[in-house]
PDB file of N, CA and C in Angstrom:
ATOM      1  N   MET A   1     250.723  48.892  15.417  1.00  0.00           N
ATOM      2  CA  MET A   1     249.822  49.549  16.346  1.00  0.00           C
ATOM      3  C   MET A   1     248.963  48.489  17.038  1.00  0.00           C
ATOM      4  N   ALA A   2     248.813  48.606  18.342  1.00  0.00           N
ATOM      5  CA  ALA A   2     248.053  47.624  19.117  1.00  0.00           C
ATOM      6  C   ALA A   2     246.562  47.735  18.823  1.00  0.00           C
ATOM      7  N   ASP A   3     245.895  46.590  18.851  1.00  0.00           N
ATOM      8  CA  ASP A   3     244.440  46.558  18.704  1.00  0.00           C
ATOM      9  C   ASP A   3     243.828  47.280  19.900  1.00  0.00           C
ATOM     10  N   GLU A   4     243.010  48.297  19.645  1.00  0.00           N
ATOM     11  CA  GLU A   4     242.453  49.119  20.721  1.00  0.00           C
ATOM     12  C   GLU A   4     241.627  48.302  21.703  1.00  0.00           C
ATOM     13  N   GLN A   5     240.976  47.241  21.253  1.00  0.00           N
ATOM     14  CA  GLN A   5     240.137  46.444  22.141  1.00  0.00           C
ATOM     15  C   GLN A   5     240.955  45.582  23.091  1.00  0.00           C
ATOM     16  N   SER A   6     242.208  45.296  22.770  1.00  0.00           N
ATOM     17  CA  SER A   6     243.015  44.452  23.646  1.00  0.00           C
ATOM     18  C   SER A   6     244.173  45.207  24.283  1.00  0.00           C
ATOM     19  N   ALA A   7     244.263  46.501  24.064  1.00  0.00           N
ATOM     20  CA  ALA A   7     245.365  47.295  24.595  1.00  0.00           C
ATOM     21  C   ALA A   7     245.088  47.735  26.028  1.00  0.00           C
ATOM     22  N   CYS A   8     246.147  47.807  26.811  1.00  0.00           N
ATOM     23  CA  CYS A   8     246.040  48.358  28.164  1.00  0.00           C
ATOM     24  C   CYS A   8     246.227  49.863  28.070  1.00  0.00           C
ATOM     25  N   ARG A   9     245.513  50.584  28.932  1.00  0.00           N
ATOM     26  CA  ARG A   9     245.674  52.033  28.955  1.00  0.00           C
ATOM     27  C   ARG A   9     245.354  52.553  30.347  1.00  0.00           C
ATOM     28  N   LEU A  10     245.846  53.722  30.642  1.00  0.00           N
ATOM     29  CA  LEU A  10     245.573  54.367  31.921  1.00  0.00           C
ATOM     30  C   LEU A  10     244.151  54.890  31.898  1.00  0.00           C
ATOM     31  N   GLU A  11     243.329  54.442  32.821  1.00  0.00           N
ATOM     32  CA  GLU A  11     241.923  54.842  32.884  1.00  0.00           C
ATOM     33  C   GLU A  11     241.696  55.981  33.864  1.00  0.00           C
ATOM     34  N   ALA A  12     242.436  55.991  34.966  1.00  0.00           N
ATOM     35  CA  ALA A  12     242.224  57.017  35.991  1.00  0.00           C
ATOM     36  C   ALA A  12     243.382  56.989  36.977  1.00  0.00           C
ATOM     37  N   LEU A  13     243.563  58.086  37.661  1.00  0.00           N
ATOM     38  CA  LEU A  13     244.479  58.159  38.797  1.00  0.00           C
ATOM     39  C   LEU A  13     243.622  58.305  40.045  1.00  0.00           C
ATOM     40  N   VAL A  14     243.904  57.494  41.041  1.00  0.00           N
ATOM     41  CA  VAL A  14     243.140  57.560  42.285  1.00  0.00           C
ATOM     42  C   VAL A  14     244.114  57.758  43.439  1.00  0.00           C
ATOM     43  N   THR A  15     243.594  58.244  44.545  1.00  0.00           N
ATOM     44  CA  THR A  15     244.394  58.475  45.740  1.00  0.00           C
ATOM     45  C   THR A  15     243.904  57.553  46.848  1.00  0.00           C
ATOM     46  N   VAL A  16     244.837  56.972  47.574  1.00  0.00           N
ATOM     47  CA  VAL A  16     244.495  56.148  48.728  1.00  0.00           C
ATOM     48  C   VAL A  16     244.369  57.081  49.928  1.00  0.00           C
ATOM     49  N   ASP A  17     243.222  57.013  50.619  1.00  0.00           N
ATOM     50  CA  ASP A  17     243.024  57.904  51.769  1.00  0.00           C
ATOM     51  C   ASP A  17     243.634  57.295  53.032  1.00  0.00           C
ATOM     52  N   GLU A  18     243.510  58.004  54.142  1.00  0.00           N
ATOM     53  CA  GLU A  18     244.121  57.564  55.403  1.00  0.00           C
ATOM     54  C   GLU A  18     243.555  56.238  55.907  1.00  0.00           C
ATOM     55  N   ARG A  19     242.391  55.853  55.444  1.00  0.00           N
ATOM     56  CA  ARG A  19     241.801  54.560  55.820  1.00  0.00           C
ATOM     57  C   ARG A  19     242.161  53.456  54.827  1.00  0.00           C
ATOM     58  N   GLY A  20     242.965  53.766  53.821  1.00  0.00           N
ATOM     59  CA  GLY A  20     243.366  52.777  52.827  1.00  0.00           C
ATOM     60  C   GLY A  20     242.348  52.573  51.724  1.00  0.00           C
ATOM     61  N   GLN A  21     241.399  53.487  51.600  1.00  0.00           N
ATOM     62  CA  GLN A  21     240.340  53.346  50.606  1.00  0.00           C
ATOM     63  C   GLN A  21     240.615  54.218  49.385  1.00  0.00           C
ATOM     64  N   MET A  22     240.088  53.759  48.246  1.00  0.00           N
ATOM     65  CA  MET A  22     240.177  54.507  46.993  1.00  0.00           C
ATOM     66  C   MET A  22     238.770  54.665  46.437  1.00  0.00           C
ATOM     67  N   VAL A  23     238.566  55.700  45.665  1.00  0.00           N
ATOM     68  CA  VAL A  23     237.282  55.907  44.993  1.00  0.00           C
ATOM     69  C   VAL A  23     237.510  55.763  43.497  1.00  0.00           C
ATOM     70  N   LEU A  24     236.750  54.862  42.871  1.00  0.00           N
ATOM     71  CA  LEU A  24     236.795  54.747  41.416  1.00  0.00           C
ATOM     72  C   LEU A  24     235.901  55.842  40.843  1.00  0.00           C
ATOM     73  N   PRO A  25     236.394  56.601  39.877  1.00  0.00           N
ATOM     74  CA  PRO A  25     235.581  57.677  39.302  1.00  0.00           C
ATOM     75  C   PRO A  25     234.245  57.159  38.767  1.00  0.00           C
ATOM     76  N   LYS A  26     233.207  57.976  38.931  1.00  0.00           N
ATOM     77  CA  LYS A  26     231.848  57.592  38.544  1.00  0.00           C
ATOM     78  C   LYS A  26     231.752  57.193  37.079  1.00  0.00           C
ATOM     79  N   ASP A  27     232.375  57.961  36.175  1.00  0.00           N
ATOM     80  CA  ASP A  27     232.279  57.629  34.749  1.00  0.00           C
ATOM     81  C   ASP A  27     232.900  56.274  34.449  1.00  0.00           C
ATOM     82  N   LEU A  28     233.968  55.929  35.148  1.00  0.00           N
ATOM     83  CA  LEU A  28     234.608  54.633  34.958  1.00  0.00           C
ATOM     84  C   LEU A  28     233.716  53.512  35.494  1.00  0.00           C
ATOM     85  N   ARG A  29     233.142  53.710  36.693  1.00  0.00           N
ATOM     86  CA  ARG A  29     232.218  52.706  37.250  1.00  0.00           C
ATOM     87  C   ARG A  29     231.037  52.482  36.320  1.00  0.00           C
ATOM     88  N   GLU A  30     230.480  53.560  35.793  1.00  0.00           N
ATOM     89  CA  GLU A  30     229.326  53.427  34.893  1.00  0.00           C
ATOM     90  C   GLU A  30     229.710  52.701  33.612  1.00  0.00           C
ATOM     91  N   ARG A  31     230.843  53.055  33.036  1.00  0.00           N
ATOM     92  CA  ARG A  31     231.283  52.430  31.788  1.00  0.00           C
ATOM     93  C   ARG A  31     231.547  50.940  31.967  1.00  0.00           C
ATOM     94  N   LEU A  32     232.046  50.566  33.146  1.00  0.00           N
ATOM     95  CA  LEU A  32     232.373  49.168  33.412  1.00  0.00           C
ATOM     96  C   LEU A  32     231.226  48.393  34.048  1.00  0.00           C
ATOM     97  N   GLY A  33     230.138  49.090  34.361  1.00  0.00           N
ATOM     98  CA  GLY A  33     228.992  48.423  34.969  1.00  0.00           C
ATOM     99  C   GLY A  33     229.254  47.975  36.394  1.00  0.00           C
ATOM    100  N   ILE A  34     230.070  48.727  37.132  1.00  0.00           N
ATOM    101  CA  ILE A  34     230.375  48.402  38.524  1.00  0.00           C
ATOM    102  C   ILE A  34     229.374  49.120  39.414  1.00  0.00           C
ATOM    103  N   SER A  35     228.688  48.349  40.255  1.00  0.00           N
ATOM    104  CA  SER A  35     227.652  48.881  41.142  1.00  0.00           C
ATOM    105  C   SER A  35     228.069  48.706  42.598  1.00  0.00           C
ATOM    106  N   PRO A  36     227.452  49.479  43.510  1.00  0.00           N
ATOM    107  CA  PRO A  36     227.737  49.286  44.934  1.00  0.00           C
ATOM    108  C   PRO A  36     227.513  47.826  45.327  1.00  0.00           C
ATOM    109  N   GLY A  37     228.446  47.278  46.077  1.00  0.00           N
ATOM    110  CA  GLY A  37     228.355  45.886  46.517  1.00  0.00           C
ATOM    111  C   GLY A  37     229.060  44.897  45.602  1.00  0.00           C
ATOM    112  N   ASP A  38     229.405  45.300  44.365  1.00  0.00           N
ATOM    113  CA  ASP A  38     230.139  44.400  43.473  1.00  0.00           C
ATOM    114  C   ASP A  38     231.501  44.088  44.077  1.00  0.00           C
ATOM    115  N   LYS A  39     231.969  42.874  43.870  1.00  0.00           N
ATOM    116  CA  LYS A  39     233.279  42.475  44.364  1.00  0.00           C
ATOM    117  C   LYS A  39     234.293  42.599  43.241  1.00  0.00           C
ATOM    118  N   LEU A  40     235.474  43.139  43.588  1.00  0.00           N
ATOM    119  CA  LEU A  40     236.569  43.286  42.649  1.00  0.00           C
ATOM    120  C   LEU A  40     237.770  42.513  43.178  1.00  0.00           C
ATOM    121  N   ALA A  41     238.493  41.854  42.295  1.00  0.00           N
ATOM    122  CA  ALA A  41     239.694  41.110  42.666  1.00  0.00           C
ATOM    123  C   ALA A  41     240.914  41.931  42.265  1.00  0.00           C
ATOM    124  N   ILE A  42     241.931  41.909  43.108  1.00  0.00           N
ATOM    125  CA  ILE A  42     243.172  42.620  42.821  1.00  0.00           C
ATOM    126  C   ILE A  42     244.265  41.585  42.642  1.00  0.00           C
ATOM    127  N   SER A  43     244.938  41.643  41.508  1.00  0.00           N
ATOM    128  CA  SER A  43     246.048  40.755  41.205  1.00  0.00           C
ATOM    129  C   SER A  43     247.301  41.615  41.104  1.00  0.00           C
ATOM    130  N   SER A  44     248.433  41.077  41.525  1.00  0.00           N
ATOM    131  CA  SER A  44     249.668  41.856  41.454  1.00  0.00           C
ATOM    132  C   SER A  44     250.641  41.230  40.468  1.00  0.00           C
ATOM    133  N   CYS A  45     251.466  42.071  39.885  1.00  0.00           N
ATOM    134  CA  CYS A  45     252.527  41.637  38.984  1.00  0.00           C
ATOM    135  C   CYS A  45     253.844  42.113  39.587  1.00  0.00           C
ATOM    136  N   GLY A  46     254.847  41.279  39.525  1.00  0.00           N
ATOM    137  CA  GLY A  46     256.115  41.630  40.133  1.00  0.00           C
ATOM    138  C   GLY A  46     257.251  41.700  39.141  1.00  0.00           C
ATOM    139  N   CYS A  47     258.283  42.395  39.573  1.00  0.00           N
ATOM    140  CA  CYS A  47     259.501  42.529  38.778  1.00  0.00           C
ATOM    141  C   CYS A  47     260.654  42.682  39.764  1.00  0.00           C
ATOM    142  N   GLY A  48     261.627  41.810  39.689  1.00  0.00           N
ATOM    143  CA  GLY A  48     262.767  41.903  40.590  1.00  0.00           C
ATOM    144  C   GLY A  48     262.406  41.696  42.048  1.00  0.00           C
ATOM    145  N   GLY A  49     261.392  40.889  42.320  1.00  0.00           N
ATOM    146  CA  GLY A  49     260.997  40.612  43.687  1.00  0.00           C
ATOM    147  C   GLY A  49     260.104  41.658  44.326  1.00  0.00           C
ATOM    148  N   GLU A  50     259.754  42.694  43.587  1.00  0.00           N
ATOM    149  CA  GLU A  50     258.871  43.738  44.108  1.00  0.00           C
ATOM    150  C   GLU A  50     257.612  43.824  43.262  1.00  0.00           C
ATOM    151  N   VAL A  51     256.511  44.181  43.902  1.00  0.00           N
ATOM    152  CA  VAL A  51     255.262  44.385  43.167  1.00  0.00           C
ATOM    153  C   VAL A  51     255.398  45.679  42.374  1.00  0.00           C
ATOM    154  N   CYS A  52     255.153  45.594  41.059  1.00  0.00           N
ATOM    155  CA  CYS A  52     255.285  46.795  40.225  1.00  0.00           C
ATOM    156  C   CYS A  52     253.942  47.295  39.705  1.00  0.00           C
ATOM    157  N   CYS A  53     252.912  46.433  39.708  1.00  0.00           N
ATOM    158  CA  CYS A  53     251.603  46.915  39.278  1.00  0.00           C
ATOM    159  C   CYS A  53     250.499  46.033  39.853  1.00  0.00           C
ATOM    160  N   LEU A  54     249.321  46.622  39.929  1.00  0.00           N
ATOM    161  CA  LEU A  54     248.126  45.922  40.394  1.00  0.00           C
ATOM    162  C   LEU A  54     247.109  45.914  39.269  1.00  0.00           C
ATOM    163  N   VAL A  55     246.397  44.806  39.139  1.00  0.00           N
ATOM    164  CA  VAL A  55     245.348  44.681  38.134  1.00  0.00           C
ATOM    165  C   VAL A  55     244.035  44.473  38.879  1.00  0.00           C
ATOM    166  N   LEU A  56     243.044  45.269  38.547  1.00  0.00           N
ATOM    167  CA  LEU A  56     241.733  45.210  39.184  1.00  0.00           C
ATOM    168  C   LEU A  56     240.753  44.597  38.190  1.00  0.00           C
ATOM    169  N   MET A  57     240.021  43.552  38.617  1.00  0.00           N
ATOM    170  CA  MET A  57     239.049  42.924  37.723  1.00  0.00           C
ATOM    171  C   MET A  57     237.808  42.525  38.506  1.00  0.00           C
ATOM    172  N   ARG A  58     236.712  42.411  37.795  1.00  0.00           N
ATOM    173  CA  ARG A  58     235.461  41.994  38.440  1.00  0.00           C
ATOM    174  C   ARG A  58     235.614  40.555  38.919  1.00  0.00           C
ATOM    175  N   ALA A  59     235.250  40.297  40.164  1.00  0.00           N
ATOM    176  CA  ALA A  59     235.393  38.959  40.741  1.00  0.00           C
ATOM    177  C   ALA A  59     234.524  37.939  40.017  1.00  0.00           C
ATOM    178  N   ASP A  60     233.371  38.361  39.494  1.00  0.00           N
ATOM    179  CA  ASP A  60     232.495  37.407  38.805  1.00  0.00           C
ATOM    180  C   ASP A  60     233.071  36.943  37.475  1.00  0.00           C
ATOM    181  N   ARG A  61     234.096  37.603  36.986  1.00  0.00           N
ATOM    182  CA  ARG A  61     234.757  37.182  35.743  1.00  0.00           C
ATOM    183  C   ARG A  61     236.088  36.499  36.010  1.00  0.00           C
ATOM    184  N   LEU A  62     236.506  36.488  37.251  1.00  0.00           N
ATOM    185  CA  LEU A  62     237.802  35.931  37.617  1.00  0.00           C
ATOM    186  C   LEU A  62     237.883  34.442  37.328  1.00  0.00           C
ATOM    187  N   ASP A  63     236.845  33.694  37.644  1.00  0.00           N
ATOM    188  CA  ASP A  63     236.848  32.248  37.447  1.00  0.00           C
ATOM    189  C   ASP A  63     237.166  31.889  36.001  1.00  0.00           C
ATOM    190  N   GLY A  64     236.495  32.535  35.061  1.00  0.00           N
ATOM    191  CA  GLY A  64     236.731  32.253  33.646  1.00  0.00           C
ATOM    192  C   GLY A  64     238.121  32.651  33.199  1.00  0.00           C
ATOM    193  N   MET A  65     238.621  33.769  33.701  1.00  0.00           N
ATOM    194  CA  MET A  65     239.963  34.228  33.337  1.00  0.00           C
ATOM    195  C   MET A  65     241.024  33.272  33.858  1.00  0.00           C
ATOM    196  N   VAL A  66     240.885  32.864  35.117  1.00  0.00           N
ATOM    197  CA  VAL A  66     241.852  31.945  35.710  1.00  0.00           C
ATOM    198  C   VAL A  66     241.820  30.616  34.976  1.00  0.00           C
ATOM    199  N   ARG A  67     240.627  30.127  34.700  1.00  0.00           N
ATOM    200  CA  ARG A  67     240.498  28.863  33.982  1.00  0.00           C
ATOM    201  C   ARG A  67     241.164  28.966  32.614  1.00  0.00           C
ATOM    202  N   GLY A  68     240.973  30.081  31.917  1.00  0.00           N
ATOM    203  CA  GLY A  68     241.567  30.270  30.600  1.00  0.00           C
ATOM    204  C   GLY A  68     243.086  30.298  30.634  1.00  0.00           C
ATOM    205  N   VAL A  69     243.646  30.864  31.695  1.00  0.00           N
ATOM    206  CA  VAL A  69     245.104  30.940  31.829  1.00  0.00           C
ATOM    207  C   VAL A  69     245.674  29.602  32.275  1.00  0.00           C
ATOM    208  N   LEU A  70     245.019  28.950  33.227  1.00  0.00           N
ATOM    209  CA  LEU A  70     245.558  27.712  33.790  1.00  0.00           C
ATOM    210  C   LEU A  70     245.319  26.479  32.930  1.00  0.00           C
ATOM    211  N   ALA A  71     244.295  26.473  32.110  1.00  0.00           N
ATOM    212  CA  ALA A  71     243.981  25.285  31.307  1.00  0.00           C
ATOM    213  C   ALA A  71     245.163  24.833  30.453  1.00  0.00           C
ATOM    214  N   PRO A  72     245.822  25.718  29.693  1.00  0.00           N
ATOM    215  CA  PRO A  72     246.963  25.262  28.895  1.00  0.00           C
ATOM    216  C   PRO A  72     248.110  24.733  29.759  1.00  0.00           C
ATOM    217  N   VAL A  73     248.333  25.346  30.911  1.00  0.00           N
ATOM    218  CA  VAL A  73     249.395  24.892  31.808  1.00  0.00           C
ATOM    219  C   VAL A  73     249.068  23.501  32.340  1.00  0.00           C
ATOM    220  N   MET A  74     247.822  23.295  32.762  1.00  0.00           N
ATOM    221  CA  MET A  74     247.421  21.995  33.290  1.00  0.00           C
ATOM    222  C   MET A  74     247.522  20.910  32.223  1.00  0.00           C
ATOM    223  N   ARG A  75     247.204  21.242  30.976  1.00  0.00           N
ATOM    224  CA  ARG A  75     247.319  20.254  29.894  1.00  0.00           C
ATOM    225  C   ARG A  75     248.767  19.813  29.734  1.00  0.00           C
ATOM    226  N   GLU A  76     249.709  20.754  29.861  1.00  0.00           N
ATOM    227  CA  GLU A  76     251.127  20.414  29.731  1.00  0.00           C
ATOM    228  C   GLU A  76     251.595  19.553  30.896  1.00  0.00           C
ATOM    229  N   VAL A  77     251.122  19.845  32.095  1.00  0.00           N
ATOM    230  CA  VAL A  77     251.533  19.111  33.291  1.00  0.00           C
ATOM    231  C   VAL A  77     250.968  17.703  33.284  1.00  0.00           C
ATOM    232  N   LEU A  78     249.703  17.574  32.910  1.00  0.00           N
ATOM    233  CA  LEU A  78     249.051  16.264  32.919  1.00  0.00           C
ATOM    234  C   LEU A  78     249.427  15.528  31.658  1.00  0.00           C
TER     235      LEU A  78
END
């Protein structure tokens, strides 16, 4: 059984409107501490040359996440 703190799960279903906008449900925004004006980064994952999923994360945490992922790769390259 996966550790609940590190498991991925479906949090909400949203609809893209005619302007290309989505609304994150209020309870989800509150739980995640997302406020008006916060920046979110969207990362995509692909399979077979097509995008199969999008990952949404707070932009202020992106730097640390990227550094954590790239550091081991850079150590191998250098």
